[in-house]
Amino acid sequence: MDIILNESDPDGLHFALDTHWLAAAGVSVVDWIYKVKGRMKIIHFKDYAIVGGAVKIEDVCKEFAEVGEGNIDWPKVIDACRDIGVEFAIVEQDTCPGDPFDSLKISFDNMLKFGL
């Protein structure tokens, strides 16, 4: 992504980062939001949960989570989005632990708690 960011025309290529996949890649979600300042009006809000209390990295269980129910620092992400002028957040839930509408409500309620 660094190459695409640095080698592309800022007026011709904009970003729509996905918070889950940034976290899954082991990079700072907040740092990447600031990296694309001026080139992102839409962001995908998706949470990332590490579950199971594994001791060894190969035993770690990672899964999709409702926004606010995983390991992403949402207050910092939201502040960064506001700082760079993100206009829209799209909540995305690839898989749900139960009924998709329950997951949607959990994400929605948590976003309200975050002041969105």
PDB file of N, CA and C in Angstrom:
ATOM      1  N   MET A   1       0.827  -1.190   0.000  1.00  0.00           N
ATOM      2  CA  MET A   1       0.000   0.000   0.000  1.00  0.00           C
ATOM      3  C   MET A   1       0.867   1.249   0.000  1.00  0.00           C
ATOM      4  N   ASP A   2       2.034   1.164   0.627  1.00  0.00           N
ATOM      5  CA  ASP A   2       2.919   2.331   0.617  1.00  0.00           C
ATOM      6  C   ASP A   2       3.285   2.721  -0.806  1.00  0.00           C
ATOM      7  N   ILE A   3       3.577   1.743  -1.648  1.00  0.00           N
ATOM      8  CA  ILE A   3       3.943   2.044  -3.037  1.00  0.00           C
ATOM      9  C   ILE A   3       2.771   2.697  -3.754  1.00  0.00           C
ATOM     10  N   ILE A   4       1.585   2.135  -3.590  1.00  0.00           N
ATOM     11  CA  ILE A   4       0.402   2.728  -4.238  1.00  0.00           C
ATOM     12  C   ILE A   4       0.190   4.153  -3.739  1.00  0.00           C
ATOM     13  N   LEU A   5       0.312   4.356  -2.438  1.00  0.00           N
ATOM     14  CA  LEU A   5       0.136   5.692  -1.864  1.00  0.00           C
ATOM     15  C   LEU A   5       1.153   6.673  -2.418  1.00  0.00           C
ATOM     16  N   ASN A   6       2.406   6.270  -2.444  1.00  0.00           N
ATOM     17  CA  ASN A   6       3.481   7.181  -2.828  1.00  0.00           C
ATOM     18  C   ASN A   6       3.639   7.365  -4.326  1.00  0.00           C
ATOM     19  N   GLU A   7       3.199   6.394  -5.117  1.00  0.00           N
ATOM     20  CA  GLU A   7       3.424   6.446  -6.557  1.00  0.00           C
ATOM     21  C   GLU A   7       2.181   6.813  -7.363  1.00  0.00           C
ATOM     22  N   SER A   8       1.076   7.064  -6.703  1.00  0.00           N
ATOM     23  CA  SER A   8      -0.153   7.376  -7.435  1.00  0.00           C
ATOM     24  C   SER A   8      -0.484   8.856  -7.320  1.00  0.00           C
ATOM     25  N   ASP A   9      -1.294   9.312  -8.252  1.00  0.00           N
ATOM     26  CA  ASP A   9      -1.740  10.702  -8.302  1.00  0.00           C
ATOM     27  C   ASP A   9      -2.797  10.926  -7.211  1.00  0.00           C
ATOM     28  N   PRO A  10      -2.521  11.820  -6.256  1.00  0.00           N
ATOM     29  CA  PRO A  10      -3.490  12.067  -5.179  1.00  0.00           C
ATOM     30  C   PRO A  10      -4.851  12.536  -5.677  1.00  0.00           C
ATOM     31  N   ASP A  11      -4.894  13.185  -6.841  1.00  0.00           N
ATOM     32  CA  ASP A  11      -6.176  13.632  -7.378  1.00  0.00           C
ATOM     33  C   ASP A  11      -6.911  12.514  -8.106  1.00  0.00           C
ATOM     34  N   GLY A  12      -6.177  11.465  -8.497  1.00  0.00           N
ATOM     35  CA  GLY A  12      -6.782  10.401  -9.281  1.00  0.00           C
ATOM     36  C   GLY A  12      -7.088   9.129  -8.527  1.00  0.00           C
ATOM     37  N   LEU A  13      -6.479   8.961  -7.349  1.00  0.00           N
ATOM     38  CA  LEU A  13      -6.687   7.735  -6.601  1.00  0.00           C
ATOM     39  C   LEU A  13      -6.955   8.058  -5.139  1.00  0.00           C
ATOM     40  N   HIS A  14      -8.128   7.647  -4.698  1.00  0.00           N
ATOM     41  CA  HIS A  14      -8.500   7.823  -3.292  1.00  0.00           C
ATOM     42  C   HIS A  14      -8.607   6.460  -2.638  1.00  0.00           C
ATOM     43  N   PHE A  15      -8.645   6.450  -1.331  1.00  0.00           N
ATOM     44  CA  PHE A  15      -8.650   5.214  -0.552  1.00  0.00           C
ATOM     45  C   PHE A  15      -9.971   5.054   0.197  1.00  0.00           C
ATOM     46  N   ALA A  16     -10.303   3.810   0.493  1.00  0.00           N
ATOM     47  CA  ALA A  16     -11.399   3.452   1.395  1.00  0.00           C
ATOM     48  C   ALA A  16     -10.835   2.329   2.268  1.00  0.00           C
ATOM     49  N   LEU A  17     -10.099   2.713   3.292  1.00  0.00           N
ATOM     50  CA  LEU A  17      -9.435   1.737   4.140  1.00  0.00           C
ATOM     51  C   LEU A  17     -10.441   0.870   4.880  1.00  0.00           C
ATOM     52  N   ASP A  18     -10.010  -0.343   5.203  1.00  0.00           N
ATOM     53  CA  ASP A  18     -10.801  -1.306   5.961  1.00  0.00           C
ATOM     54  C   ASP A  18     -10.082  -1.520   7.293  1.00  0.00           C
ATOM     55  N   THR A  19     -10.708  -1.111   8.383  1.00  0.00           N
ATOM     56  CA  THR A  19     -10.047  -1.141   9.687  1.00  0.00           C
ATOM     57  C   THR A  19      -9.655  -2.558  10.107  1.00  0.00           C
ATOM     58  N   HIS A  20     -10.490  -3.534   9.806  1.00  0.00           N
ATOM     59  CA  HIS A  20     -10.178  -4.917  10.177  1.00  0.00           C
ATOM     60  C   HIS A  20      -8.905  -5.400   9.495  1.00  0.00           C
ATOM     61  N   TRP A  21      -8.820  -5.198   8.177  1.00  0.00           N
ATOM     62  CA  TRP A  21      -7.683  -5.748   7.443  1.00  0.00           C
ATOM     63  C   TRP A  21      -6.399  -5.002   7.740  1.00  0.00           C
ATOM     64  N   LEU A  22      -6.479  -3.739   8.102  1.00  0.00           N
ATOM     65  CA  LEU A  22      -5.277  -3.046   8.569  1.00  0.00           C
ATOM     66  C   LEU A  22      -4.790  -3.674   9.868  1.00  0.00           C
ATOM     67  N   ALA A  23      -5.713  -3.897  10.799  1.00  0.00           N
ATOM     68  CA  ALA A  23      -5.347  -4.529  12.072  1.00  0.00           C
ATOM     69  C   ALA A  23      -4.809  -5.939  11.835  1.00  0.00           C
ATOM     70  N   ALA A  24      -5.442  -6.677  10.933  1.00  0.00           N
ATOM     71  CA  ALA A  24      -4.996  -8.044  10.639  1.00  0.00           C
ATOM     72  C   ALA A  24      -3.591  -8.058  10.050  1.00  0.00           C
ATOM     73  N   ALA A  25      -3.246  -7.003   9.328  1.00  0.00           N
ATOM     74  CA  ALA A  25      -1.909  -6.902   8.742  1.00  0.00           C
ATOM     75  C   ALA A  25      -0.861  -6.497   9.775  1.00  0.00           C
ATOM     76  N   GLY A  26      -1.316  -6.112  10.956  1.00  0.00           N
ATOM     77  CA  GLY A  26      -0.380  -5.747  12.016  1.00  0.00           C
ATOM     78  C   GLY A  26       0.123  -4.324  11.931  1.00  0.00           C
ATOM     79  N   VAL A  27      -0.587  -3.476  11.190  1.00  0.00           N
ATOM     80  CA  VAL A  27      -0.191  -2.065  11.094  1.00  0.00           C
ATOM     81  C   VAL A  27      -1.147  -1.218  11.929  1.00  0.00           C
ATOM     82  N   SER A  28      -0.753  -0.005  12.195  1.00  0.00           N
ATOM     83  CA  SER A  28      -1.588   0.902  12.975  1.00  0.00           C
ATOM     84  C   SER A  28      -2.707   1.460  12.104  1.00  0.00           C
ATOM     85  N   VAL A  29      -3.932   1.202  12.505  1.00  0.00           N
ATOM     86  CA  VAL A  29      -5.092   1.737  11.779  1.00  0.00           C
ATOM     87  C   VAL A  29      -5.030   3.260  11.773  1.00  0.00           C
ATOM     88  N   VAL A  30      -4.749   3.846  12.921  1.00  0.00           N
ATOM     89  CA  VAL A  30      -4.710   5.309  13.038  1.00  0.00           C
ATOM     90  C   VAL A  30      -3.607   5.895  12.166  1.00  0.00           C
ATOM     91  N   ASP A  31      -2.424   5.295  12.164  1.00  0.00           N
ATOM     92  CA  ASP A  31      -1.332   5.794  11.316  1.00  0.00           C
ATOM     93  C   ASP A  31      -1.734   5.791   9.849  1.00  0.00           C
ATOM     94  N   TRP A  32      -2.400   4.720   9.415  1.00  0.00           N
ATOM     95  CA  TRP A  32      -2.803   4.652   8.011  1.00  0.00           C
ATOM     96  C   TRP A  32      -3.894   5.664   7.679  1.00  0.00           C
ATOM     97  N   ILE A  33      -4.758   5.935   8.604  1.00  0.00           N
ATOM     98  CA  ILE A  33      -5.768   6.969   8.353  1.00  0.00           C
ATOM     99  C   ILE A  33      -5.070   8.303   8.095  1.00  0.00           C
ATOM    100  N   TYR A  34      -4.083   8.621   8.911  1.00  0.00           N
ATOM    101  CA  TYR A  34      -3.354   9.886   8.710  1.00  0.00           C
ATOM    102  C   TYR A  34      -2.516   9.861   7.427  1.00  0.00           C
ATOM    103  N   LYS A  35      -2.008   8.705   7.045  1.00  0.00           N
ATOM    104  CA  LYS A  35      -1.216   8.609   5.806  1.00  0.00           C
ATOM    105  C   LYS A  35      -2.036   8.988   4.580  1.00  0.00           C
ATOM    106  N   VAL A  36      -3.318   8.674   4.598  1.00  0.00           N
ATOM    107  CA  VAL A  36      -4.152   8.931   3.420  1.00  0.00           C
ATOM    108  C   VAL A  36      -4.944  10.236   3.530  1.00  0.00           C
ATOM    109  N   LYS A  37      -4.514  11.095   4.437  1.00  0.00           N
ATOM    110  CA  LYS A  37      -5.189  12.389   4.605  1.00  0.00           C
ATOM    111  C   LYS A  37      -5.318  13.096   3.253  1.00  0.00           C
ATOM    112  N   GLY A  38      -6.513  13.593   2.989  1.00  0.00           N
ATOM    113  CA  GLY A  38      -6.785  14.264   1.721  1.00  0.00           C
ATOM    114  C   GLY A  38      -7.168  13.311   0.606  1.00  0.00           C
ATOM    115  N   ARG A  39      -7.116  12.001   0.890  1.00  0.00           N
ATOM    116  CA  ARG A  39      -7.396  11.005  -0.144  1.00  0.00           C
ATOM    117  C   ARG A  39      -8.413   9.967   0.310  1.00  0.00           C
ATOM    118  N   MET A  40      -9.167  10.279   1.362  1.00  0.00           N
ATOM    119  CA  MET A  40     -10.158   9.307   1.835  1.00  0.00           C
ATOM    120  C   MET A  40     -11.358  10.041   2.428  1.00  0.00           C
ATOM    121  N   LYS A  41     -12.515   9.792   1.849  1.00  0.00           N
ATOM    122  CA  LYS A  41     -13.775  10.338   2.360  1.00  0.00           C
ATOM    123  C   LYS A  41     -14.660   9.245   2.943  1.00  0.00           C
ATOM    124  N   ILE A  42     -14.358   7.983   2.607  1.00  0.00           N
ATOM    125  CA  ILE A  42     -15.148   6.832   3.067  1.00  0.00           C
ATOM    126  C   ILE A  42     -14.200   5.827   3.716  1.00  0.00           C
ATOM    127  N   ILE A  43     -14.623   5.247   4.833  1.00  0.00           N
ATOM    128  CA  ILE A  43     -13.846   4.210   5.497  1.00  0.00           C
ATOM    129  C   ILE A  43     -14.756   3.031   5.818  1.00  0.00           C
ATOM    130  N   HIS A  44     -14.182   1.845   5.800  1.00  0.00           N
ATOM    131  CA  HIS A  44     -14.919   0.640   6.199  1.00  0.00           C
ATOM    132  C   HIS A  44     -14.620   0.375   7.664  1.00  0.00           C
ATOM    133  N   PHE A  45     -15.632   0.460   8.504  1.00  0.00           N
ATOM    134  CA  PHE A  45     -15.502   0.128   9.921  1.00  0.00           C
ATOM    135  C   PHE A  45     -15.825  -1.360  10.078  1.00  0.00           C
ATOM    136  N   LYS A  46     -14.834  -2.102  10.475  1.00  0.00           N
ATOM    137  CA  LYS A  46     -15.005  -3.526  10.745  1.00  0.00           C
ATOM    138  C   LYS A  46     -14.056  -3.850  11.880  1.00  0.00           C
ATOM    139  N   ASP A  47     -14.516  -4.567  12.880  1.00  0.00           N
ATOM    140  CA  ASP A  47     -13.679  -4.839  14.048  1.00  0.00           C
ATOM    141  C   ASP A  47     -12.966  -6.177  13.920  1.00  0.00           C
ATOM    142  N   TYR A  48     -11.967  -6.334  14.742  1.00  0.00           N
ATOM    143  CA  TYR A  48     -11.040  -7.456  14.695  1.00  0.00           C
ATOM    144  C   TYR A  48     -10.847  -7.961  16.108  1.00  0.00           C
ATOM    145  N   ALA A  49     -11.196  -9.212  16.348  1.00  0.00           N
ATOM    146  CA  ALA A  49     -11.085  -9.760  17.695  1.00  0.00           C
ATOM    147  C   ALA A  49     -10.039 -10.862  17.746  1.00  0.00           C
ATOM    148  N   ILE A  50      -9.245 -10.816  18.783  1.00  0.00           N
ATOM    149  CA  ILE A  50      -8.329 -11.911  19.088  1.00  0.00           C
ATOM    150  C   ILE A  50      -8.914 -12.580  20.317  1.00  0.00           C
ATOM    151  N   VAL A  51      -9.229 -13.843  20.183  1.00  0.00           N
ATOM    152  CA  VAL A  51      -9.934 -14.548  21.251  1.00  0.00           C
ATOM    153  C   VAL A  51      -9.189 -15.818  21.654  1.00  0.00           C
ATOM    154  N   GLY A  52      -9.520 -16.333  22.793  1.00  0.00           N
ATOM    155  CA  GLY A  52      -9.018 -17.628  23.200  1.00  0.00           C
ATOM    156  C   GLY A  52      -7.884 -17.625  24.192  1.00  0.00           C
ATOM    157  N   GLY A  53      -7.238 -16.487  24.434  1.00  0.00           N
ATOM    158  CA  GLY A  53      -6.176 -16.414  25.420  1.00  0.00           C
ATOM    159  C   GLY A  53      -4.984 -17.298  25.101  1.00  0.00           C
ATOM    160  N   ALA A  54      -4.636 -17.438  23.835  1.00  0.00           N
ATOM    161  CA  ALA A  54      -3.522 -18.293  23.433  1.00  0.00           C
ATOM    162  C   ALA A  54      -2.199 -17.759  23.964  1.00  0.00           C
ATOM    163  N   VAL A  55      -1.297 -18.663  24.256  1.00  0.00           N
ATOM    164  CA  VAL A  55       0.045 -18.297  24.715  1.00  0.00           C
ATOM    165  C   VAL A  55       0.988 -18.173  23.524  1.00  0.00           C
ATOM    166  N   LYS A  56       0.865 -19.071  22.552  1.00  0.00           N
ATOM    167  CA  LYS A  56       1.718 -19.046  21.370  1.00  0.00           C
ATOM    168  C   LYS A  56       0.972 -18.376  20.218  1.00  0.00           C
ATOM    169  N   ILE A  57       1.708 -17.597  19.411  1.00  0.00           N
ATOM    170  CA  ILE A  57       1.097 -16.849  18.320  1.00  0.00           C
ATOM    171  C   ILE A  57       0.355 -17.771  17.355  1.00  0.00           C
ATOM    172  N   GLU A  58       0.872 -18.966  17.114  1.00  0.00           N
ATOM    173  CA  GLU A  58       0.207 -19.862  16.166  1.00  0.00           C
ATOM    174  C   GLU A  58      -1.118 -20.406  16.701  1.00  0.00           C
ATOM    175  N   ASP A  59      -1.354 -20.248  18.004  1.00  0.00           N
ATOM    176  CA  ASP A  59      -2.608 -20.709  18.595  1.00  0.00           C
ATOM    177  C   ASP A  59      -3.654 -19.603  18.739  1.00  0.00           C
ATOM    178  N   VAL A  60      -3.303 -18.395  18.328  1.00  0.00           N
ATOM    179  CA  VAL A  60      -4.224 -17.269  18.446  1.00  0.00           C
ATOM    180  C   VAL A  60      -5.389 -17.464  17.479  1.00  0.00           C
ATOM    181  N   CYS A  61      -6.576 -17.228  17.968  1.00  0.00           N
ATOM    182  CA  CYS A  61      -7.777 -17.308  17.145  1.00  0.00           C
ATOM    183  C   CYS A  61      -8.228 -15.884  16.834  1.00  0.00           C
ATOM    184  N   LYS A  62      -8.319 -15.562  15.547  1.00  0.00           N
ATOM    185  CA  LYS A  62      -8.745 -14.237  15.115  1.00  0.00           C
ATOM    186  C   LYS A  62     -10.106 -14.370  14.444  1.00  0.00           C
ATOM    187  N   GLU A  63     -10.955 -13.378  14.678  1.00  0.00           N
ATOM    188  CA  GLU A  63     -12.272 -13.427  14.051  1.00  0.00           C
ATOM    189  C   GLU A  63     -12.820 -12.022  13.848  1.00  0.00           C
ATOM    190  N   PHE A  64     -13.809 -11.936  12.974  1.00  0.00           N
ATOM    191  CA  PHE A  64     -14.513 -10.682  12.776  1.00  0.00           C
ATOM    192  C   PHE A  64     -15.352 -10.404  14.010  1.00  0.00           C
ATOM    193  N   ALA A  65     -15.519  -9.141  14.315  1.00  0.00           N
ATOM    194  CA  ALA A  65     -16.327  -8.754  15.472  1.00  0.00           C
ATOM    195  C   ALA A  65     -17.169  -7.548  15.106  1.00  0.00           C
ATOM    196  N   GLU A  66     -18.258  -7.366  15.837  1.00  0.00           N
ATOM    197  CA  GLU A  66     -19.059  -6.170  15.647  1.00  0.00           C
ATOM    198  C   GLU A  66     -18.223  -4.949  16.041  1.00  0.00           C
ATOM    199  N   VAL A  67     -18.496  -3.829  15.417  1.00  0.00           N
ATOM    200  CA  VAL A  67     -17.767  -2.595  15.734  1.00  0.00           C
ATOM    201  C   VAL A  67     -17.911  -2.318  17.229  1.00  0.00           C
ATOM    202  N   GLY A  68     -16.772  -2.169  17.884  1.00  0.00           N
ATOM    203  CA  GLY A  68     -16.758  -1.899  19.314  1.00  0.00           C
ATOM    204  C   GLY A  68     -16.647  -3.134  20.182  1.00  0.00           C
ATOM    205  N   GLU A  69     -16.671  -4.316  19.580  1.00  0.00           N
ATOM    206  CA  GLU A  69     -16.619  -5.558  20.344  1.00  0.00           C
ATOM    207  C   GLU A  69     -15.285  -6.280  20.190  1.00  0.00           C
ATOM    208  N   GLY A  70     -14.377  -5.725  19.436  1.00  0.00           N
ATOM    209  CA  GLY A  70     -13.095  -6.381  19.192  1.00  0.00           C
ATOM    210  C   GLY A  70     -11.938  -5.642  19.847  1.00  0.00           C
ATOM    211  N   ASN A  71     -10.815  -5.624  19.158  1.00  0.00           N
ATOM    212  CA  ASN A  71      -9.580  -5.094  19.718  1.00  0.00           C
ATOM    213  C   ASN A  71      -9.135  -3.758  19.124  1.00  0.00           C
ATOM    214  N   ILE A  72      -9.906  -3.184  18.252  1.00  0.00           N
ATOM    215  CA  ILE A  72      -9.538  -1.902  17.641  1.00  0.00           C
ATOM    216  C   ILE A  72      -9.880  -0.768  18.597  1.00  0.00           C
ATOM    217  N   ASP A  73      -8.995   0.211  18.669  1.00  0.00           N
ATOM    218  CA  ASP A  73      -9.186   1.373  19.547  1.00  0.00           C
ATOM    219  C   ASP A  73     -10.068   2.394  18.818  1.00  0.00           C
ATOM    220  N   TRP A  74     -11.367   2.225  18.938  1.00  0.00           N
ATOM    221  CA  TRP A  74     -12.316   3.037  18.171  1.00  0.00           C
ATOM    222  C   TRP A  74     -12.276   4.520  18.479  1.00  0.00           C
ATOM    223  N   PRO A  75     -12.147   4.950  19.724  1.00  0.00           N
ATOM    224  CA  PRO A  75     -12.055   6.404  19.944  1.00  0.00           C
ATOM    225  C   PRO A  75     -10.906   7.046  19.165  1.00  0.00           C
ATOM    226  N   LYS A  76      -9.759   6.398  19.103  1.00  0.00           N
ATOM    227  CA  LYS A  76      -8.624   6.951  18.341  1.00  0.00           C
ATOM    228  C   LYS A  76      -8.890   6.902  16.842  1.00  0.00           C
ATOM    229  N   VAL A  77      -9.503   5.815  16.373  1.00  0.00           N
ATOM    230  CA  VAL A  77      -9.838   5.706  14.951  1.00  0.00           C
ATOM    231  C   VAL A  77     -10.826   6.804  14.559  1.00  0.00           C
ATOM    232  N   ILE A  78     -11.842   7.000  15.350  1.00  0.00           N
ATOM    233  CA  ILE A  78     -12.858   8.011  15.051  1.00  0.00           C
ATOM    234  C   ILE A  78     -12.262   9.407  15.095  1.00  0.00           C
ATOM    235  N   ASP A  79     -11.420   9.686  16.071  1.00  0.00           N
ATOM    236  CA  ASP A  79     -10.748  10.993  16.126  1.00  0.00           C
ATOM    237  C   ASP A  79      -9.903  11.224  14.881  1.00  0.00           C
ATOM    238  N   ALA A  80      -9.170  10.200  14.451  1.00  0.00           N
ATOM    239  CA  ALA A  80      -8.337  10.338  13.248  1.00  0.00           C
ATOM    240  C   ALA A  80      -9.202  10.581  12.022  1.00  0.00           C
ATOM    241  N   CYS A  81     -10.324   9.872  11.921  1.00  0.00           N
ATOM    242  CA  CYS A  81     -11.234  10.076  10.793  1.00  0.00           C
ATOM    243  C   CYS A  81     -11.766  11.502  10.773  1.00  0.00           C
ATOM    244  N   ARG A  82     -12.129  11.999  11.925  1.00  0.00           N
ATOM    245  CA  ARG A  82     -12.608  13.390  11.997  1.00  0.00           C
ATOM    246  C   ARG A  82     -11.496  14.358  11.610  1.00  0.00           C
ATOM    247  N   ASP A  83     -10.283  14.092  12.093  1.00  0.00           N
ATOM    248  CA  ASP A  83      -9.152  14.985  11.809  1.00  0.00           C
ATOM    249  C   ASP A  83      -8.860  15.106  10.323  1.00  0.00           C
ATOM    250  N   ILE A  84      -9.010  14.011   9.574  1.00  0.00           N
ATOM    251  CA  ILE A  84      -8.654  14.076   8.152  1.00  0.00           C
ATOM    252  C   ILE A  84      -9.858  14.345   7.251  1.00  0.00           C
ATOM    253  N   GLY A  85     -11.037  14.453   7.820  1.00  0.00           N
ATOM    254  CA  GLY A  85     -12.208  14.811   7.019  1.00  0.00           C
ATOM    255  C   GLY A  85     -12.960  13.655   6.393  1.00  0.00           C
ATOM    256  N   VAL A  86     -12.896  12.472   6.998  1.00  0.00           N
ATOM    257  CA  VAL A  86     -13.708  11.360   6.500  1.00  0.00           C
ATOM    258  C   VAL A  86     -15.181  11.743   6.660  1.00  0.00           C
ATOM    259  N   GLU A  87     -15.949  11.515   5.613  1.00  0.00           N
ATOM    260  CA  GLU A  87     -17.360  11.905   5.623  1.00  0.00           C
ATOM    261  C   GLU A  87     -18.315  10.752   5.919  1.00  0.00           C
ATOM    262  N   PHE A  88     -17.924   9.531   5.537  1.00  0.00           N
ATOM    263  CA  PHE A  88     -18.818   8.386   5.685  1.00  0.00           C
ATOM    264  C   PHE A  88     -18.063   7.177   6.224  1.00  0.00           C
ATOM    265  N   ALA A  89     -18.708   6.460   7.128  1.00  0.00           N
ATOM    266  CA  ALA A  89     -18.184   5.185   7.618  1.00  0.00           C
ATOM    267  C   ALA A  89     -19.194   4.106   7.254  1.00  0.00           C
ATOM    268  N   ILE A  90     -18.715   3.087   6.602  1.00  0.00           N
ATOM    269  CA  ILE A  90     -19.561   1.966   6.212  1.00  0.00           C
ATOM    270  C   ILE A  90     -19.255   0.823   7.163  1.00  0.00           C
ATOM    271  N   VAL A  91     -20.254   0.379   7.901  1.00  0.00           N
ATOM    272  CA  VAL A  91     -20.067  -0.756   8.802  1.00  0.00           C
ATOM    273  C   VAL A  91     -20.146  -2.025   7.972  1.00  0.00           C
ATOM    274  N   GLU A  92     -19.128  -2.847   8.136  1.00  0.00           N
ATOM    275  CA  GLU A  92     -19.057  -4.089   7.380  1.00  0.00           C
ATOM    276  C   GLU A  92     -18.849  -5.244   8.356  1.00  0.00           C
ATOM    277  N   GLN A  93     -19.585  -6.303   8.174  1.00  0.00           N
ATOM    278  CA  GLN A  93     -19.471  -7.492   9.027  1.00  0.00           C
ATOM    279  C   GLN A  93     -19.387  -8.689   8.088  1.00  0.00           C
ATOM    280  N   ASP A  94     -18.188  -9.217   7.878  1.00  0.00           N
ATOM    281  CA  ASP A  94     -18.029 -10.326   6.928  1.00  0.00           C
ATOM    282  C   ASP A  94     -18.762 -11.584   7.378  1.00  0.00           C
ATOM    283  N   THR A  95     -18.575 -11.956   8.616  1.00  0.00           N
ATOM    284  CA  THR A  95     -19.311 -13.081   9.180  1.00  0.00           C
ATOM    285  C   THR A  95     -19.860 -12.658  10.529  1.00  0.00           C
ATOM    286  N   CYS A  96     -20.943 -13.249  10.909  1.00  0.00           N
ATOM    287  CA  CYS A  96     -21.604 -12.901  12.167  1.00  0.00           C
ATOM    288  C   CYS A  96     -21.665 -14.131  13.062  1.00  0.00           C
ATOM    289  N   PRO A  97     -21.539 -13.928  14.370  1.00  0.00           N
ATOM    290  CA  PRO A  97     -21.634 -15.073  15.278  1.00  0.00           C
ATOM    291  C   PRO A  97     -23.059 -15.618  15.403  1.00  0.00           C
ATOM    292  N   GLY A  98     -24.025 -14.828  14.989  1.00  0.00           N
ATOM    293  CA  GLY A  98     -25.430 -15.242  15.057  1.00  0.00           C
ATOM    294  C   GLY A  98     -26.203 -14.553  13.960  1.00  0.00           C
ATOM    295  N   ASP A  99     -27.345 -14.027  14.313  1.00  0.00           N
ATOM    296  CA  ASP A  99     -28.200 -13.318  13.359  1.00  0.00           C
ATOM    297  C   ASP A  99     -27.508 -12.038  12.884  1.00  0.00           C
ATOM    298  N   PRO A 100     -27.411 -11.813  11.581  1.00  0.00           N
ATOM    299  CA  PRO A 100     -26.749 -10.609  11.067  1.00  0.00           C
ATOM    300  C   PRO A 100     -27.384  -9.307  11.556  1.00  0.00           C
ATOM    301  N   PHE A 101     -28.690  -9.318  11.760  1.00  0.00           N
ATOM    302  CA  PHE A 101     -29.352  -8.109  12.231  1.00  0.00           C
ATOM    303  C   PHE A 101     -28.991  -7.805  13.683  1.00  0.00           C
ATOM    304  N   ASP A 102     -28.719  -8.833  14.470  1.00  0.00           N
ATOM    305  CA  ASP A 102     -28.227  -8.621  15.837  1.00  0.00           C
ATOM    306  C   ASP A 102     -26.838  -7.982  15.801  1.00  0.00           C
ATOM    307  N   SER A 103     -25.986  -8.473  14.905  1.00  0.00           N
ATOM    308  CA  SER A 103     -24.645  -7.895  14.774  1.00  0.00           C
ATOM    309  C   SER A 103     -24.721  -6.438  14.326  1.00  0.00           C
ATOM    310  N   LEU A 104     -25.601  -6.159  13.391  1.00  0.00           N
ATOM    311  CA  LEU A 104     -25.787  -4.784  12.926  1.00  0.00           C
ATOM    312  C   LEU A 104     -26.219  -3.871  14.059  1.00  0.00           C
ATOM    313  N   LYS A 105     -27.138  -4.337  14.884  1.00  0.00           N
ATOM    314  CA  LYS A 105     -27.615  -3.524  16.011  1.00  0.00           C
ATOM    315  C   LYS A 105     -26.490  -3.287  17.017  1.00  0.00           C
ATOM    316  N   ILE A 106     -25.695  -4.299  17.297  1.00  0.00           N
ATOM    317  CA  ILE A 106     -24.571  -4.133  18.224  1.00  0.00           C
ATOM    318  C   ILE A 106     -23.607  -3.075  17.693  1.00  0.00           C
ATOM    319  N   SER A 107     -23.244  -3.170  16.417  1.00  0.00           N
ATOM    320  CA  SER A 107     -22.347  -2.179  15.818  1.00  0.00           C
ATOM    321  C   SER A 107     -22.962  -0.786  15.869  1.00  0.00           C
ATOM    322  N   PHE A 108     -24.224  -0.686  15.497  1.00  0.00           N
ATOM    323  CA  PHE A 108     -24.915   0.602  15.498  1.00  0.00           C
ATOM    324  C   PHE A 108     -24.943   1.207  16.905  1.00  0.00           C
ATOM    325  N   ASP A 109     -25.327   0.414  17.893  1.00  0.00           N
ATOM    326  CA  ASP A 109     -25.392   0.912  19.277  1.00  0.00           C
ATOM    327  C   ASP A 109     -24.012   1.353  19.762  1.00  0.00           C
ATOM    328  N   ASN A 110     -22.976   0.597  19.419  1.00  0.00           N
ATOM    329  CA  ASN A 110     -21.628   0.985  19.833  1.00  0.00           C
ATOM    330  C   ASN A 110     -21.182   2.268  19.144  1.00  0.00           C
ATOM    331  N   MET A 111     -21.532   2.438  17.884  1.00  0.00           N
ATOM    332  CA  MET A 111     -21.166   3.671  17.187  1.00  0.00           C
ATOM    333  C   MET A 111     -21.851   4.868  17.841  1.00  0.00           C
ATOM    334  N   LEU A 112     -23.093   4.693  18.271  1.00  0.00           N
ATOM    335  CA  LEU A 112     -23.769   5.773  18.994  1.00  0.00           C
ATOM    336  C   LEU A 112     -23.029   6.099  20.282  1.00  0.00           C
ATOM    337  N   LYS A 113     -22.562   5.069  20.989  1.00  0.00           N
ATOM    338  CA  LYS A 113     -21.787   5.287  22.221  1.00  0.00           C
ATOM    339  C   LYS A 113     -20.507   6.062  21.955  1.00  0.00           C
ATOM    340  N   PHE A 114     -19.920   5.851  20.743  1.00  0.00           N
ATOM    341  CA  PHE A 114     -18.695   6.553  20.358  1.00  0.00           C
ATOM    342  C   PHE A 114     -18.965   7.973  19.880  1.00  0.00           C
ATOM    343  N   GLY A 115     -20.243   8.348  19.823  1.00  0.00           N
ATOM    344  CA  GLY A 115     -20.580   9.714  19.424  1.00  0.00           C
ATOM    345  C   GLY A 115     -20.770   9.929  17.942  1.00  0.00           C
ATOM    346  N   LEU A 116     -21.030   8.858  17.225  1.00  0.00           N
ATOM    347  CA  LEU A 116     -21.257   8.995  15.769  1.00  0.00           C
ATOM    348  C   LEU A 116     -22.734   9.123  15.470  1.00  0.00           C
TER     349      LEU A 116
END
